[in-house]
Structure formats: structure tokens, C-alpha cells
Amino acid sequence: MPGRGSVRPEKITEVAALADTIRSHRTTAIIGVRGVPASALQKMRRALRDRGHPIVVSTNSSLRHAIELAAPDRPALKPLLEHVNDQTAVLTAEGNPFSLYQELSRTRSPTPARGGELAPKDIVVPAQTTSFKPGPIVGELQHAGFPAAIEKGKVVLKKDTTVVKAGLPISREVAGLLTRLDIFPLEVGLELRAAVDGDTFYPPSVLAVDLDAQRGEMVRAHRSAISLALELAYATPVTAPLLMARGHRRALALAIAAGYTTPATLQPILAKALAQARALERLVGS
């Protein structure tokens, strides 16, 4: 029977295999799985595995040992050790870490607080007319710091109020009232804590980029650049056809205004002359 200080051979094999997996993939991410129900986690793992993003859930000590084994070959992995805490998993992939962050963010959904959790951000209760009937609930709300009052026979919250500051614990009393107000201050789902792509370490603050917004900015910048190039008459493969089309339109407009006849301007000039003649005829007739 193994001694208390010994390590089981299967555990050594497991750690070595995980270290090999980390070495062999370009992207390695530390994933937080706190609060994710086992059934939901299994479903998420299957979906991610099908997309080439396998998740390994193990003890934190095993995950740390695997990263330490792989780190001599990939030093950028070392900062990941600071993020192996609480309930953790490792994800390996070949894809873009920014896309991976967005993919994991889509697994998260609001969930009610039960009391005792730390607020991830300021919990603000907006001013509103509630569905509560006047009664003891008013005192309960006021005792918990909600600005409750009765107006026209209805319980109202008179102004926007921060009931819990970010990082502070949510009391059971406040949690219950938030749930009754359909305010769910927590999120459940996979949390990307940090990632390494090749030789680059990415904290979550860097990865939290709205890709759709960035694409929109790029499109707007592209349009602005084309507009500027057109104003400067700066020819490029993109602007040359536009410049020629604009020059052609301006040349036609100038020729028509000057009455200069060409096969292209003859019909517009005659149409203009006819319109002017009819306008003069109406003026003389009146």
C-alpha cells in the first residue's frame, strides 16, 4: 500500500500526459469552472471538444505540476500558475485566444445570488415600480438599504441605488430581495482567467475585446481612408476606379452646363433646353 507521501503511478502518468498536451498545442488557457453544474459542464466540454478545444479538469496540484513540467520548453506558461486556484480546468487549442475568450463568454449566463458570494461589480438596483403589494415588504426593503416607499398604492424604489459594492459579500437578505426583483447579479459559466498563445501571455483584461465593435471600427476607418484619398485625388488600386468615375461625372456636368455637345452630352443638353423652353413658355403665358 502506498505511503502517505508517495504519489500513485497513475497520477504521475496523468500529469505527464497533460504536460505533453500543453506543450503540443499553441494555445493554453486556464479556465474557471466555479458554480457550473456538473451536467452543464459536461455538455460544454463536449461542445468545445468537438470544436477542437478539449478541456481537462483535474486537481489544482496536478494542473500546476503539468504546467511546471511544460514551462522549461515554453517559459510563457509560467504566469499561468498564478491563476490556478479555486475550481480550475485547462483548455488547449490551436485557435485565436481572442476568439476563444468570446466563445467562452457566450457560455456565461446570469444567475441569482444566494448570499455569501462576493459581488463581481457594483450591484445597482434601478428606480422602479415593483410588483410588490404594500405591506411588510416595504420594511424589509428599507432595512436592506433599498429606497422603498408606497406611492399610489404601489411599492416603488425611488432612485437608483448601489446595494452592494464590488468585491463585498452579498448578504442573504439582499440576495433574496434581488431575486424577488428579478435581478441576477452573478454569472455562471466558463471563465477564461488567462491564456498563452505561442510565446505570449494574455491576461483576461487584454482578451476582453468586443470583436464585433473592432470590426465595425475597422470598416469605418476603411471608409474614412477612402473618402480622404478621394478628396486628395490619391490614386490606389481601390480609389482609381472611383476617381475616374467621379471625374467622368464632373466632366459631363461641366460640359452640359457649358452647352458643349458630344455624343454623351447631346441628349442631356437638349432635355435641359426643352425644359427651359417650357418654363419660359409658362412664364410668358401667365
Foldseek 3Di string as FASTA:
>chain_A
DDDPPDDDPVLVVVLQVLLVLQLVFQKKFKKAQPPPDPVLVVVVQVVCVVVAKHKAFDQLVSVLSSLVVNCVVFVLSVVCNVVSDDGIIMIGGHDDVLVVQVVQVVFKDFDFDQWFDFQQAFDKDAKDFAPDFDDCVQVLCVVQPFCWDADPRTIIRHGIDRSHGGGHTDHNSNRVVCVSRVHGRDMGTMHTQWMGRRRDTGGVVRSPDDVVVVVVVVVVVVVVVLVVCLVVVPDDPVNVVVNVVVVVVVVLVVCLVVVPDDVVNPVVNVVVVVVVVVVVVVVVVD
